[in-house]
Protein backbone atom coordinates (compact mmCIF):
# COMPACT_ATOMS: atom_id res chain seq x y z
CA MET A 1 -5.92 -26.49 -9.70
CA LYS A 2 -8.88 -27.77 -7.70
CA ASN A 3 -10.97 -26.23 -4.97
CA THR A 4 -12.36 -28.31 -2.12
CA THR A 5 -15.39 -29.37 -4.21
CA GLY A 6 -13.09 -30.89 -6.82
CA THR A 7 -13.78 -28.24 -9.47
CA THR A 8 -10.85 -27.65 -11.83
CA VAL A 9 -10.00 -23.99 -12.50
CA ASP A 10 -7.23 -22.11 -14.25
CA PHE A 11 -4.68 -21.28 -11.55
CA ASP A 12 -3.62 -17.92 -12.97
CA GLU A 13 -7.26 -16.84 -13.18
CA LEU A 14 -7.87 -17.94 -9.61
CA LEU A 15 -4.90 -15.95 -8.30
CA ALA A 16 -5.94 -12.91 -10.32
CA SER A 17 -9.48 -13.18 -8.95
CA ALA A 18 -8.22 -13.36 -5.36
CA ARG A 19 -6.03 -10.30 -5.89
CA GLU A 20 -8.92 -8.35 -7.40
CA LEU A 21 -11.14 -9.30 -4.47
CA SER A 22 -8.38 -8.06 -2.16
CA LEU A 23 -8.09 -4.75 -4.01
CA ALA A 24 -11.85 -4.32 -3.62
CA GLY A 25 -11.58 -4.77 0.13
CA ARG A 26 -13.00 -8.31 0.14
CA TRP A 27 -10.07 -9.74 2.06
CA GLU A 28 -11.94 -12.50 3.87
CA ARG A 29 -13.52 -13.69 0.61
CA ALA A 30 -10.14 -13.65 -1.13
CA LEU A 31 -8.54 -15.73 1.61
CA ARG A 32 -11.42 -18.20 1.64
CA LEU A 33 -11.00 -18.66 -2.11
CA LEU A 34 -7.28 -19.30 -1.74
CA ASP A 35 -7.72 -21.57 1.27
CA ALA A 36 -10.24 -23.67 -0.65
CA THR A 37 -7.66 -24.38 -3.35
CA THR A 38 -5.32 -27.36 -3.48
CA CYS A 39 -2.24 -27.58 -5.68
CA ASP A 40 -0.36 -30.55 -7.06
CA THR A 41 3.10 -28.99 -7.34
CA ALA A 42 5.44 -27.28 -4.89
CA GLY A 43 5.75 -24.28 -7.19
CA ASP A 44 2.01 -23.71 -7.30
CA ARG A 45 1.71 -24.17 -3.53
CA ALA A 46 4.35 -21.46 -3.12
CA ARG A 47 2.43 -19.12 -5.42
CA LEU A 48 -0.78 -19.83 -3.52
CA ALA A 49 0.82 -19.08 -0.15
CA LEU A 50 2.39 -15.90 -1.53
CA ALA A 51 -0.96 -14.68 -2.82
CA ALA A 52 -2.50 -15.31 0.61
CA ALA A 53 0.30 -13.30 2.27
CA GLU A 54 -0.32 -10.42 -0.15
CA VAL A 55 -4.05 -10.45 0.67
CA ALA A 56 -3.27 -10.54 4.39
CA LEU A 57 -1.01 -7.52 3.99
CA GLN A 58 -3.81 -5.52 2.34
CA SER A 59 -6.23 -6.59 5.07
CA ASP A 60 -3.84 -5.53 7.82
CA TRP A 61 -3.10 -2.16 6.24
CA PHE A 62 -6.65 -1.10 5.42
CA GLY A 63 -8.71 -3.27 7.75
CA GLY A 64 -6.59 -3.24 10.90
CA THR A 65 -6.25 -7.02 11.08
CA HIS A 66 -3.09 -8.93 12.07
CA LEU A 67 -2.94 -11.70 9.50
CA THR A 68 0.37 -11.14 7.76
CA PRO A 69 2.82 -12.82 10.18
CA GLY A 70 1.15 -16.23 9.95
CA ARG A 71 0.53 -16.01 6.22
CA ALA A 72 4.07 -14.81 5.53
CA GLU A 73 5.51 -17.62 7.63
CA GLN A 74 3.53 -20.13 5.57
CA ALA A 75 4.74 -18.52 2.35
CA GLU A 76 8.33 -18.79 3.54
CA LYS A 77 7.81 -22.49 4.30
CA GLU A 78 6.43 -23.12 0.82
CA SER A 79 9.11 -21.10 -0.94
CA SER A 80 11.83 -23.14 -2.60
CA GLY A 81 14.51 -20.48 -2.23
CA THR A 82 15.13 -16.83 -3.03
CA ASP A 83 11.83 -15.28 -4.11
CA TRP A 84 11.77 -11.57 -4.96
CA ASP A 85 8.02 -11.24 -4.52
CA LEU A 86 8.09 -12.86 -1.10
CA GLY A 87 10.98 -10.61 -0.11
CA PHE A 88 8.89 -7.63 -1.16
CA VAL A 89 5.95 -8.79 0.97
CA LEU A 90 8.27 -9.12 3.97
CA LEU A 91 9.71 -5.65 3.30
CA ARG A 92 6.27 -4.07 3.13
CA HIS A 93 5.16 -5.82 6.30
CA GLU A 94 8.22 -4.57 8.19
CA TYR A 95 7.64 -1.06 6.83
CA PHE A 96 4.04 -1.13 8.02
CA ARG A 97 5.11 -2.50 11.40
CA LEU A 98 7.61 0.32 11.92
CA LEU A 99 5.23 2.97 10.65
CA ARG A 100 2.16 1.84 12.57
CA GLY A 101 3.55 0.24 15.69
CA GLU A 102 0.99 -0.64 18.34
CA GLY A 103 -1.84 0.30 15.99
CA ALA A 104 -0.97 4.00 15.83
CA PHE A 105 0.52 5.92 12.92
CA ARG A 106 4.04 6.88 14.04
CA PRO A 107 6.06 8.52 11.25
CA GLY A 108 9.68 9.51 11.65
CA PRO A 109 12.64 7.78 13.31
CA GLU A 110 11.92 8.77 16.90
CA GLY A 111 11.46 5.79 19.21
CA LYS A 112 12.45 3.26 16.55
CA ASP A 113 15.41 0.90 16.49
CA PRO A 114 18.06 2.52 14.24
CA GLU A 115 19.35 -0.90 13.20
CA ALA A 116 15.86 -1.98 12.14
CA LEU A 117 15.47 1.18 10.08
CA ALA A 118 18.87 0.79 8.44
CA GLY A 119 18.22 -2.89 7.74
CA LEU A 120 14.91 -2.10 6.09
CA ARG A 121 16.55 0.46 3.83
CA ARG A 122 19.27 -2.04 2.88
CA ASP A 123 16.63 -4.64 2.06
CA ALA A 124 14.78 -2.19 -0.18
CA HIS A 125 18.01 -1.28 -1.94
CA ASP A 126 18.83 -4.95 -2.47
CA LEU A 127 15.36 -5.60 -3.89
CA ARG A 128 15.81 -2.73 -6.31
CA GLU A 129 19.18 -4.04 -7.45
CA ASP A 130 17.95 -7.64 -7.76
CA ALA A 131 14.58 -6.88 -9.36
CA PRO A 132 13.84 -9.20 -12.30
CA ASP A 133 12.04 -6.52 -14.32
CA GLU A 134 11.49 -2.77 -14.54
CA VAL A 135 8.12 -2.72 -12.77
CA ARG A 136 9.45 -4.60 -9.75
CA ARG A 137 12.46 -2.27 -9.73
CA GLY A 138 9.96 0.57 -9.67
CA TRP A 139 8.14 -0.88 -6.68
CA ALA A 140 11.41 -1.21 -4.78
CA SER A 141 12.19 2.42 -5.65
CA MET A 142 8.75 3.38 -4.39
CA TYR A 143 9.48 1.84 -1.01
CA LEU A 144 12.93 3.40 -0.85
CA GLY A 145 11.08 6.70 -1.13
CA LEU A 146 8.49 5.76 1.48
CA ILE A 147 11.18 4.61 3.88
CA ALA A 148 13.10 7.87 3.43
CA ASP A 149 9.92 9.94 3.70
CA ASN A 150 8.00 8.29 6.48
CA LEU A 151 10.58 6.47 8.59
CA PHE A 152 13.73 8.59 8.27
CA ALA A 153 11.88 11.91 7.75
CA GLU A 154 14.22 12.69 4.85
CA ARG A 155 11.69 14.62 2.84
CA THR A 156 14.10 15.95 0.25
CA ALA A 157 15.46 12.49 -0.57
CA ALA A 158 12.13 10.81 -1.32
CA PRO A 159 10.82 12.44 -4.53
CA ALA A 160 13.64 11.11 -6.74
CA HIS A 161 12.62 7.58 -5.75
CA TYR A 162 8.97 8.37 -6.49
CA GLU A 163 9.90 9.75 -9.91
CA ALA A 164 11.79 6.52 -10.68
CA ALA A 165 8.74 4.53 -9.60
CA LEU A 166 6.46 6.69 -11.73
CA GLY A 167 8.62 6.13 -14.80
CA ALA A 168 8.71 2.38 -14.24
CA GLY A 169 4.96 2.23 -13.73
CA GLU A 170 4.25 4.29 -16.83
CA SER A 171 6.58 2.26 -19.04
CA GLY A 172 5.44 -1.07 -17.59
CA GLY A 173 1.72 -0.34 -17.61
CA ASP A 174 1.27 -0.82 -13.85
CA ASP A 175 -1.63 1.44 -12.84
CA LEU A 176 -1.18 0.73 -9.14
CA LEU A 177 2.49 1.72 -9.17
CA VAL A 178 1.68 4.90 -11.09
CA ARG A 179 -1.10 5.64 -8.59
CA GLU A 180 1.22 5.15 -5.64
CA ALA A 181 3.92 7.39 -7.10
CA LEU A 182 1.45 10.15 -8.02
CA ARG A 183 -0.10 9.97 -4.57
CA HIS A 184 3.19 10.72 -2.85
CA LEU A 185 4.56 13.17 -5.41
CA GLY A 186 1.30 15.06 -4.96
CA ASP A 187 1.91 15.08 -1.23
CA HIS A 188 5.21 16.87 -1.81
CA ASP A 189 3.51 19.33 -4.16
CA HIS A 190 0.94 19.99 -1.47
CA ASP A 191 3.58 20.61 1.19
CA ALA A 192 5.34 23.04 -1.18
CA GLY A 193 2.09 24.96 -1.63
CA ASP A 194 1.61 23.89 -5.27
CA HIS A 195 -2.05 22.99 -4.96
CA ASP A 196 -2.65 22.88 -8.71
CA SER A 197 -0.02 20.20 -9.27
CA ALA A 198 -1.18 18.28 -6.20
CA LEU A 199 -4.76 18.36 -7.46
CA GLU A 200 -3.75 17.12 -10.91
CA ARG A 201 -1.68 14.26 -9.52
CA TRP A 202 -4.25 13.27 -6.89
CA ARG A 203 -7.16 13.31 -9.32
CA ARG A 204 -5.25 11.07 -11.70
CA ALA A 205 -4.23 8.76 -8.85
CA THR A 206 -7.89 8.49 -7.80
CA ALA A 207 -8.94 7.52 -11.32
CA LEU A 208 -6.17 4.95 -11.66
CA GLY A 209 -7.14 3.37 -8.35
CA ALA A 210 -10.76 3.20 -9.49
CA ARG A 211 -9.74 1.60 -12.79
CA ALA A 212 -7.81 -1.05 -10.87
CA GLY A 213 -10.82 -1.73 -8.62
CA MET A 214 -8.96 -0.56 -5.51
CA VAL A 215 -11.93 0.49 -3.38
CA PRO A 216 -10.12 1.34 -0.10
CA GLY A 217 -7.39 3.06 -2.10
CA VAL A 218 -9.95 5.26 -3.84
CA LEU A 219 -11.20 6.33 -0.43
CA THR A 220 -7.70 7.25 0.72
CA GLN A 221 -7.31 9.32 -2.44
CA GLN A 222 -10.62 11.06 -1.81
CA MET A 223 -9.29 11.85 1.64
CA LEU A 224 -6.46 13.77 0.01
CA LEU A 225 -8.91 15.65 -2.18
CA ALA A 226 -10.78 16.61 0.99
CA VAL A 227 -7.52 17.96 2.40
CA LEU A 228 -7.06 20.13 -0.70
CA ALA A 229 -10.64 21.36 -0.45
CA ARG A 230 -10.01 22.48 3.11
CA ASP A 231 -6.69 24.09 2.20
CA THR A 232 -8.30 26.11 -0.56
CA GLY A 233 -11.11 27.35 1.66
CA ASP A 234 -13.88 24.93 0.74
CA GLU A 235 -14.56 23.65 4.24
CA ALA A 236 -18.12 22.65 3.38
CA GLY A 237 -16.92 20.51 0.48
CA ALA A 238 -14.13 19.01 2.57
CA THR A 239 -16.54 18.12 5.37
CA ALA A 240 -19.12 16.61 3.03
CA LEU A 241 -16.53 14.41 1.32
CA ALA A 242 -14.96 13.30 4.60
CA ARG A 243 -18.36 12.34 5.99
CA GLU A 244 -18.98 10.12 3.00
CA ILE A 245 -15.54 8.56 3.37
CA VAL A 246 -16.37 7.76 7.01
CA ARG A 247 -19.62 6.15 5.88
CA TRP A 248 -18.11 4.16 3.01
CA ALA A 249 -15.00 3.05 4.89
CA GLY A 250 -17.13 1.87 7.78
CA ALA A 251 -19.36 -0.08 5.42
CA ILE A 252 -16.46 -2.10 3.95
CA GLY A 253 -14.48 -2.50 7.18
CA ALA A 254 -11.58 -0.24 6.14
CA ASP A 255 -10.91 0.76 9.73
CA HIS A 256 -7.71 2.69 9.06
CA VAL A 257 -9.37 4.86 6.42
CA HIS A 258 -12.42 5.33 8.66
CA ALA A 259 -10.25 6.56 11.54
CA GLN A 260 -8.27 8.90 9.29
CA ALA A 261 -11.44 10.50 7.92
CA ALA A 262 -12.94 10.83 11.41
CA ASP A 263 -9.75 12.52 12.62
CA PHE A 264 -9.91 14.87 9.64
CA LEU A 265 -13.44 15.87 10.60
CA ALA A 266 -12.09 16.64 14.07
CA GLY A 267 -9.47 18.97 12.57
CA ALA A 268 -6.43 16.74 11.99
CA ASP A 269 -4.29 16.94 8.85
CA PRO A 270 -3.51 13.41 7.60
CA THR A 271 -0.85 14.82 5.27
CA ALA A 272 1.24 16.51 7.97
CA PRO A 273 4.84 15.39 7.36
CA PRO A 274 7.08 13.98 10.08
CA GLN A 275 9.68 16.39 11.39
CA GLU A 276 12.70 16.56 9.09
CA SER A 277 15.57 14.32 10.24
CA GLY A 278 18.09 16.29 12.23
CA ALA A 279 15.71 19.22 12.71
């Protein structure tokens, strides 16, 4: 592959570098790197466009941008047919859209199109069934759990999906999938009042995110540790940690994390579950 200066680079290394920049919260830099790259084959152009859509998704989720629709459309144009990874990007984008419509976090099914919710769940199920390997199957299971948890408010249905994701991540060596599963299993432990288990899972998830270089994700995990500190009576520790999260998130442009930490300092609980479906 060549960048715009004509320098030849290994394509796999370039894509890996862009993804690592994205994990670190350097979304603009990652996209500039990808946009400066030209490819000779249709397959490589499709991979390049997919990587850009994945970076855009991270930027939108943590940074509050609105880049994914255009990048996903370009990835669809470059795709030569059925592409599991592109389908997963589209699933995640639709999940984020339904969860954070109009820029606000809106868990639960209230006010959402039932057909859109049902369609998203079907898509996640199809991705799980069609996954080409165990790790991808685990990621689809993870989102089946998130969809049940955060969009349908089916709290009791979600943990089995997270356990499946955890097993796939552990067996496949995917630190980010393990982190994601531990993060949400810990949330259920926390809601059940099992603070020791929540602390163990959340500490491990924080370390895994750090090992993967996921800077905004480490901040979201520290936010959960601040919640536990408050719940166990350490308000001073909770406040000190949240203030640092506000400072760090602001410094890297992670607007969603910044707002969550600021709300926590004002007394909000970012882990409060949506009302159970049918309740």
